[in-house]
Structure formats: C-alpha cells, structure tokens
N, C-alpha and C. Protein backbone atom coordinates (compact mmCIF):
# COMPACT_ATOMS: atom_id res chain seq x y z
N MET A 1 51.80 88.97 -59.61
CA MET A 1 51.75 87.64 -60.26
C MET A 1 50.36 87.05 -60.01
N GLY A 2 49.71 86.70 -61.06
CA GLY A 2 48.37 86.19 -61.02
C GLY A 2 48.43 84.68 -60.67
N VAL A 3 47.23 84.13 -60.43
CA VAL A 3 47.11 82.62 -60.11
C VAL A 3 47.67 81.90 -61.25
N TYR A 4 47.38 82.16 -62.50
CA TYR A 4 47.72 81.49 -63.68
C TYR A 4 49.37 81.49 -63.72
N ASP A 5 49.94 82.63 -63.50
CA ASP A 5 51.42 82.81 -63.56
C ASP A 5 52.07 81.85 -62.43
N PHE A 6 51.47 81.88 -61.24
CA PHE A 6 51.78 81.05 -60.10
C PHE A 6 51.98 79.49 -60.57
N VAL A 7 50.79 79.11 -61.11
CA VAL A 7 50.58 77.74 -61.50
C VAL A 7 51.62 77.33 -62.57
N GLU A 8 51.85 78.34 -63.67
CA GLU A 8 52.78 78.03 -64.62
C GLU A 8 54.27 77.83 -64.07
N LYS A 9 54.54 78.72 -63.19
CA LYS A 9 55.88 78.62 -62.55
C LYS A 9 56.03 77.34 -61.82
N ARG A 10 55.07 76.92 -61.09
CA ARG A 10 55.08 75.73 -60.28
C ARG A 10 55.31 74.52 -61.29
N VAL A 11 54.60 74.51 -62.34
CA VAL A 11 54.76 73.47 -63.36
C VAL A 11 56.22 73.44 -63.96
N GLU A 12 56.71 74.60 -64.24
CA GLU A 12 58.05 74.69 -64.77
C GLU A 12 59.16 74.13 -63.84
N ASP A 13 58.90 74.40 -62.51
CA ASP A 13 59.86 74.08 -61.38
C ASP A 13 59.65 72.67 -60.93
N SER A 14 58.57 72.00 -61.33
CA SER A 14 58.24 70.71 -60.88
C SER A 14 59.18 69.72 -61.31
N ILE A 15 59.49 68.69 -60.33
CA ILE A 15 60.33 67.55 -60.68
C ILE A 15 59.59 66.67 -61.77
N TYR A 16 58.27 66.84 -61.83
CA TYR A 16 57.54 65.99 -62.84
C TYR A 16 57.41 66.68 -64.15
N SER A 17 57.92 67.80 -64.34
CA SER A 17 57.69 68.52 -65.58
C SER A 17 58.12 67.81 -66.84
N ASN A 18 59.17 66.92 -66.68
CA ASN A 18 59.74 66.30 -67.86
C ASN A 18 59.10 64.82 -67.98
N TYR A 19 58.15 64.38 -67.14
CA TYR A 19 57.59 63.12 -67.22
C TYR A 19 56.52 63.03 -68.36
N SER A 20 56.43 61.95 -68.97
CA SER A 20 55.30 61.65 -69.86
C SER A 20 54.07 61.36 -69.15
N LYS A 21 52.95 61.41 -69.88
CA LYS A 21 51.71 61.23 -69.28
C LYS A 21 51.62 59.81 -68.68
N LYS A 22 52.18 58.89 -69.42
CA LYS A 22 52.22 57.49 -68.88
C LYS A 22 52.94 57.36 -67.67
N ASP A 23 54.27 58.06 -67.53
CA ASP A 23 54.90 57.92 -66.36
C ASP A 23 54.18 58.63 -65.14
N LEU A 24 53.52 59.70 -65.48
CA LEU A 24 52.75 60.37 -64.38
C LEU A 24 51.63 59.48 -63.86
N VAL A 25 50.87 58.74 -64.85
CA VAL A 25 49.83 57.88 -64.37
C VAL A 25 50.42 56.76 -63.54
N ILE A 26 51.54 56.19 -63.88
CA ILE A 26 52.21 55.21 -63.03
C ILE A 26 52.52 55.76 -61.70
N GLU A 27 53.03 56.91 -61.56
CA GLU A 27 53.38 57.46 -60.28
C GLU A 27 52.14 57.68 -59.43
N VAL A 28 51.05 58.21 -60.01
CA VAL A 28 49.80 58.44 -59.31
C VAL A 28 49.21 57.13 -58.83
N GLU A 29 49.19 56.10 -59.64
CA GLU A 29 48.63 54.78 -59.28
C GLU A 29 49.42 54.19 -58.15
N HIS A 30 50.76 54.35 -58.20
CA HIS A 30 51.71 53.92 -57.12
C HIS A 30 51.24 54.63 -55.86
N LEU A 31 51.16 55.97 -55.82
CA LEU A 31 50.79 56.73 -54.66
C LEU A 31 49.45 56.24 -54.06
N HIS A 32 48.45 56.20 -55.00
CA HIS A 32 47.12 55.81 -54.62
C HIS A 32 47.12 54.46 -53.92
N SER A 33 47.96 53.49 -54.42
CA SER A 33 47.90 52.17 -53.76
C SER A 33 48.49 52.27 -52.35
N TYR A 34 49.42 52.94 -52.13
CA TYR A 34 50.07 53.12 -50.81
C TYR A 34 49.17 53.88 -49.86
N LEU A 35 48.56 54.91 -50.40
CA LEU A 35 47.69 55.72 -49.58
C LEU A 35 46.47 54.88 -49.16
N ASP A 36 45.92 54.12 -50.12
CA ASP A 36 44.73 53.22 -49.80
C ASP A 36 45.20 52.13 -48.78
N ARG A 37 46.36 51.61 -48.91
CA ARG A 37 46.88 50.61 -47.98
C ARG A 37 46.96 51.18 -46.51
N LEU A 38 47.56 52.47 -46.50
CA LEU A 38 47.72 53.02 -45.20
C LEU A 38 46.32 53.42 -44.64
N TYR A 39 45.41 54.02 -45.47
CA TYR A 39 44.12 54.32 -44.93
C TYR A 39 43.40 53.03 -44.31
N ASN A 40 43.35 52.00 -45.07
CA ASN A 40 42.76 50.71 -44.61
C ASN A 40 43.37 50.27 -43.30
N LEU A 41 44.66 50.32 -43.16
CA LEU A 41 45.27 49.90 -41.92
C LEU A 41 44.84 50.80 -40.72
N LEU A 42 44.89 52.17 -40.96
CA LEU A 42 44.45 53.07 -39.94
C LEU A 42 42.98 52.91 -39.53
N GLU A 43 42.21 52.70 -40.61
CA GLU A 43 40.72 52.61 -40.33
C GLU A 43 40.31 51.38 -39.68
N HIS A 44 40.96 50.12 -40.03
CA HIS A 44 40.40 48.90 -39.61
C HIS A 44 41.33 48.19 -38.59
N LYS A 45 42.49 48.61 -38.31
CA LYS A 45 43.29 47.92 -37.40
C LYS A 45 44.02 48.96 -36.29
N ASN A 46 44.44 48.38 -35.32
CA ASN A 46 45.18 49.08 -34.33
C ASN A 46 46.68 49.06 -34.77
N VAL A 47 47.13 50.05 -35.55
CA VAL A 47 48.45 50.05 -36.13
C VAL A 47 49.31 50.99 -35.34
N SER A 48 50.60 50.59 -35.25
CA SER A 48 51.49 51.44 -34.47
C SER A 48 52.20 52.49 -35.49
N LEU A 49 52.87 53.43 -34.85
CA LEU A 49 53.47 54.43 -35.65
C LEU A 49 54.62 54.01 -36.42
N ALA A 50 55.23 52.88 -35.93
CA ALA A 50 56.33 52.24 -36.66
C ALA A 50 55.84 51.57 -37.92
N GLU A 51 54.65 50.96 -37.85
CA GLU A 51 54.14 50.36 -39.07
C GLU A 51 53.73 51.48 -40.09
N VAL A 52 53.17 52.50 -39.68
CA VAL A 52 52.89 53.64 -40.52
C VAL A 52 54.23 54.18 -41.14
N LYS A 53 55.22 54.42 -40.44
CA LYS A 53 56.40 54.84 -40.90
C LYS A 53 57.02 53.85 -42.08
N ALA A 54 56.96 52.50 -41.69
CA ALA A 54 57.39 51.44 -42.59
C ALA A 54 56.64 51.62 -43.94
N ILE A 55 55.39 51.79 -43.94
CA ILE A 55 54.69 51.86 -45.19
C ILE A 55 54.97 53.06 -45.93
N VAL A 56 55.20 54.29 -45.25
CA VAL A 56 55.54 55.52 -45.87
C VAL A 56 57.01 55.41 -46.49
N MET A 57 57.91 54.88 -45.71
CA MET A 57 59.22 54.67 -46.31
C MET A 57 59.21 53.74 -47.47
N ASP A 58 58.49 52.70 -47.43
CA ASP A 58 58.35 51.78 -48.61
C ASP A 58 57.82 52.53 -49.88
N ALA A 59 56.87 53.36 -49.56
CA ALA A 59 56.28 54.12 -50.70
C ALA A 59 57.33 55.11 -51.30
N LEU A 60 58.07 55.79 -50.46
CA LEU A 60 59.11 56.68 -50.95
C LEU A 60 60.14 55.90 -51.68
N TYR A 61 60.58 54.92 -51.13
CA TYR A 61 61.68 54.17 -51.69
C TYR A 61 61.29 53.52 -53.09
N GLU A 62 60.04 52.97 -53.14
CA GLU A 62 59.61 52.45 -54.38
C GLU A 62 59.23 53.47 -55.52
N SER A 63 59.02 54.67 -55.07
CA SER A 63 58.70 55.78 -56.02
C SER A 63 59.88 56.09 -56.88
N ARG A 64 59.64 56.37 -58.13
CA ARG A 64 60.76 56.69 -59.00
C ARG A 64 61.25 58.09 -58.86
N VAL A 65 60.53 58.93 -58.03
CA VAL A 65 60.92 60.27 -57.93
C VAL A 65 62.02 60.38 -56.92
C-alpha cells in the first residue's frame, strides 16, 4: 500500500468524510479558537490542570463531532 492509498483509505474512513467544506471550516475555526485560548492561558498565566481539562472538555462538548 502506497502513501496515496493510505491517505485515500483514511479519508474514506474519516468521520469528516461526509461534511461539506463549510462545515469543515466551522469545525476548524472552532478548534483553532479553543487551542488559541488554551495556548494563551498556558503561556501567560499560572493555570491548573483542572482549568486545562475544563477548556478541553468544553471544546469537545461544543464540537459537533
């Protein structure tokens, strides 16, 4: 199996394979906003593991996936 075949198989098996481009952009923007928020907290504040977990759980809950 070549790299191309591997990628094609991953795309077919992906939970995102039926999403429209618009829906994928929404999901990516959602993920980006949570990652940016998390990065800024970790970079500029003394943040606890509980706070990190809360942000991650919020991101997972809010995601449509």
